[in-house]
């Protein structure tokens, strides 16, 4: 009786998952994380434990340090369990023929694409110009922007501009 209920729940989850696009090939990062659940859980647990210790100011109090370690352990175990579940889900679709992951092909270079080093140089130059302009504009305020605030805002502006450019480029390519 319990096996029948569990099987019905499993089938209901798989129908729900297929409806949300779960049978599509997952990204490479998702496959990597699912194939390495112990490493993923450990890295996440250490990160969460360290952040909890920092937030609790626990580096000088052993009781709070233990509390932060337990928080990190629970977070790591949760992510380990989630990765194991994802690994089983991917294995089910691979066995059932739902998807086969193919490595991505290298992008076709058009005449209008820039080399990677040049694109990186453009990003850096845009960020530098935005950084200096934001810092100069911040000087007009009563409490001026610091260099760090200006750098973060400039980074957000450059990445936002890149995202807008990318969406326009995708729309243009779909229109061909």
Protein backbone atom coordinates (compact mmCIF):
# COMPACT_ATOMS: atom_id res chain seq x y z
CA UNK A 1 0.00 0.00 0.00
CA UNK A 2 2.79 2.44 0.90
CA UNK A 3 4.69 1.55 -2.28
CA UNK A 4 1.59 2.25 -4.37
CA UNK A 5 1.13 5.67 -2.76
CA UNK A 6 4.80 6.54 -3.22
CA UNK A 7 4.69 5.43 -6.86
CA UNK A 8 1.61 7.58 -7.52
CA UNK A 9 3.34 10.56 -5.89
CA UNK A 10 6.43 9.93 -8.02
CA UNK A 11 4.36 9.75 -11.20
CA UNK A 12 2.46 12.91 -10.24
CA UNK A 13 5.75 14.73 -9.67
CA UNK A 14 7.13 13.57 -13.03
CA UNK A 15 3.96 14.74 -14.84
CA UNK A 16 4.22 18.10 -13.07
CA UNK A 17 7.94 18.30 -13.89
CA UNK A 18 7.38 17.49 -17.57
CA UNK A 19 4.68 20.17 -17.69
CA UNK A 20 7.15 22.76 -16.43
CA UNK A 21 9.80 21.74 -18.97
CA UNK A 22 11.77 19.32 -16.81
CA UNK A 23 12.26 16.93 -19.73
CA UNK A 24 14.37 19.55 -21.52
CA UNK A 25 18.15 19.15 -21.30
CA UNK A 26 19.50 20.92 -18.20
CA UNK A 27 22.31 23.48 -18.39
CA UNK A 28 25.87 22.24 -17.91
CA UNK A 29 26.15 23.83 -14.47
CA UNK A 30 23.07 21.96 -13.27
CA UNK A 31 24.46 18.65 -14.57
CA UNK A 32 27.80 19.33 -12.87
CA UNK A 33 26.21 20.18 -9.52
CA UNK A 34 23.97 17.10 -9.68
CA UNK A 35 26.94 14.85 -10.42
CA UNK A 36 28.95 16.22 -7.47
CA UNK A 37 26.47 16.42 -4.56
CA UNK A 38 29.04 16.00 -1.77
CA UNK A 39 31.31 18.77 -3.04
CA UNK A 40 28.36 21.06 -3.71
CA UNK A 41 26.91 20.46 -0.26
CA UNK A 42 30.27 20.97 1.41
CA UNK A 43 31.00 24.21 -0.44
CA UNK A 44 27.52 25.56 0.28
CA UNK A 45 27.70 24.51 3.94
CA UNK A 46 31.06 26.19 4.45
CA UNK A 47 29.82 29.36 2.74
CA UNK A 48 26.59 29.49 4.75
CA UNK A 49 28.39 28.64 7.99
CA UNK A 50 31.00 31.33 7.38
CA UNK A 51 28.36 33.92 6.55
CA UNK A 52 26.32 32.93 9.62
CA UNK A 53 29.42 33.20 11.82
CA UNK A 54 30.17 36.61 10.36
CA UNK A 55 26.57 37.79 10.80
CA UNK A 56 26.43 36.53 14.39
CA UNK A 57 29.87 37.95 15.20
CA UNK A 58 30.70 34.46 16.42
CA UNK A 59 34.45 34.37 15.90
CA UNK A 60 35.10 35.19 19.55
CA UNK A 61 32.16 33.37 21.17
CA UNK A 62 32.31 29.54 21.13
CA UNK A 63 28.55 29.10 21.62
CA UNK A 64 27.72 31.29 18.63
CA UNK A 65 30.46 29.62 16.61
CA UNK A 66 28.86 26.25 17.30
CA UNK A 67 25.50 27.69 16.28
CA UNK A 68 27.00 28.96 13.00
CA UNK A 69 28.59 25.55 12.39
CA UNK A 70 25.22 23.83 12.88
CA UNK A 71 23.59 26.29 10.48
CA UNK A 72 26.29 25.54 7.90
CA UNK A 73 25.93 21.79 8.45
CA UNK A 74 22.15 21.92 7.99
CA UNK A 75 22.50 24.06 4.86
CA UNK A 76 25.11 21.70 3.42
CA UNK A 77 22.98 18.64 4.13
CA UNK A 78 19.94 20.27 2.54
CA UNK A 79 21.87 21.10 -0.65
CA UNK A 80 23.42 17.61 -0.71
CA UNK A 81 19.94 16.09 -0.51
CA UNK A 82 18.63 18.44 -3.18
CA UNK A 83 21.54 17.56 -5.52
CA UNK A 84 20.94 13.83 -4.97
CA UNK A 85 17.29 14.35 -5.85
CA UNK A 86 18.24 16.30 -8.99
CA UNK A 87 20.69 13.56 -9.98
CA UNK A 88 17.95 10.94 -9.73
CA UNK A 89 15.57 13.15 -11.74
CA UNK A 90 18.14 13.60 -14.50
CA UNK A 91 18.91 9.86 -14.49
CA UNK A 92 15.21 9.07 -14.89
CA UNK A 93 14.89 11.26 -17.97
CA UNK A 94 18.14 9.89 -19.42
CA UNK A 95 16.89 6.29 -18.95
CA UNK A 96 13.45 7.10 -20.33
CA UNK A 97 14.97 8.84 -23.36
CA UNK A 98 13.60 12.21 -22.23
CA UNK A 99 16.78 14.05 -23.04
CA UNK A 100 20.34 13.42 -23.96
CA UNK A 101 22.73 16.16 -23.04
CA UNK A 102 24.92 17.25 -25.92
CA UNK A 103 27.86 19.54 -25.25
CA UNK A 104 27.33 23.01 -26.67
CA UNK A 105 28.80 23.72 -30.05
CA UNK A 106 31.19 26.57 -30.44
CA UNK A 107 29.41 29.70 -31.60
CA UNK A 108 29.59 30.58 -35.25
CA UNK A 109 31.69 33.68 -35.74
CA UNK A 110 29.96 36.25 -37.84
CA UNK A 111 31.75 39.16 -39.40
CA UNK A 112 30.13 41.51 -36.86
CA UNK A 113 31.23 39.62 -33.71
CA UNK A 114 34.17 40.98 -31.77
CA UNK A 115 37.06 38.92 -30.41
CA UNK A 116 36.69 38.03 -26.74
CA UNK A 117 39.70 40.06 -25.58
CA UNK A 118 38.38 43.15 -27.34
CA UNK A 119 34.93 42.73 -25.83
CA UNK A 120 36.51 42.44 -22.37
CA UNK A 121 38.51 45.59 -23.02
CA UNK A 122 35.29 47.38 -24.03
CA UNK A 123 33.58 46.26 -20.82
CA UNK A 124 36.49 47.49 -18.74
CA UNK A 125 36.60 50.84 -20.52
CA UNK A 126 32.81 51.34 -20.17
CA UNK A 127 33.02 50.50 -16.48
CA UNK A 128 35.91 52.91 -15.95
CA UNK A 129 34.12 55.78 -17.70
CA UNK A 130 30.91 55.12 -15.74
CA UNK A 131 32.90 54.89 -12.50
CA UNK A 132 34.55 58.27 -12.98
CA UNK A 133 31.34 59.97 -14.13
CA UNK A 134 29.35 58.62 -11.19
CA UNK A 135 32.07 59.66 -8.77
CA UNK A 136 32.12 63.17 -10.26
CA UNK A 137 28.33 63.40 -10.12
CA UNK A 138 28.44 62.17 -6.55
CA UNK A 139 30.77 65.04 -5.64
CA UNK A 140 27.85 67.43 -6.29
CA UNK A 141 25.90 65.89 -3.42
CA UNK A 142 26.30 66.95 0.20
CA UNK A 143 27.52 63.49 1.12
CA UNK A 144 29.46 62.36 -1.96
CA UNK A 145 29.67 58.81 -3.31
CA UNK A 146 32.68 56.82 -2.27
CA UNK A 147 34.81 55.07 -4.87
CA UNK A 148 33.33 51.71 -3.83
CA UNK A 149 29.74 52.94 -4.21
CA UNK A 150 30.60 54.44 -7.57
CA UNK A 151 32.27 51.21 -8.71
CA UNK A 152 29.26 49.10 -7.74
CA UNK A 153 26.78 51.46 -9.43
CA UNK A 154 28.97 51.60 -12.55
CA UNK A 155 29.07 47.79 -12.65
CA UNK A 156 25.27 47.64 -12.39
CA UNK A 157 24.95 50.20 -15.20
CA UNK A 158 27.34 48.35 -17.51
CA UNK A 159 25.75 44.95 -16.90
CA UNK A 160 22.26 46.44 -17.31
CA UNK A 161 23.28 48.06 -20.58
CA UNK A 162 24.75 44.77 -21.78
CA UNK A 163 21.50 42.95 -20.91
CA UNK A 164 19.46 45.49 -22.88
CA UNK A 165 21.85 45.18 -25.83
CA UNK A 166 21.65 41.38 -25.68
CA UNK A 167 17.84 41.36 -25.65
CA UNK A 168 17.73 43.76 -28.61
CA UNK A 169 20.20 41.56 -30.50
CA UNK A 170 18.10 38.46 -29.85
CA UNK A 171 14.94 40.21 -31.07
CA UNK A 172 16.78 41.36 -34.18
CA UNK A 173 18.01 37.83 -34.94
CA UNK A 174 14.52 36.36 -34.47
CA UNK A 175 13.19 38.88 -36.96
CA UNK A 176 15.47 37.58 -39.75
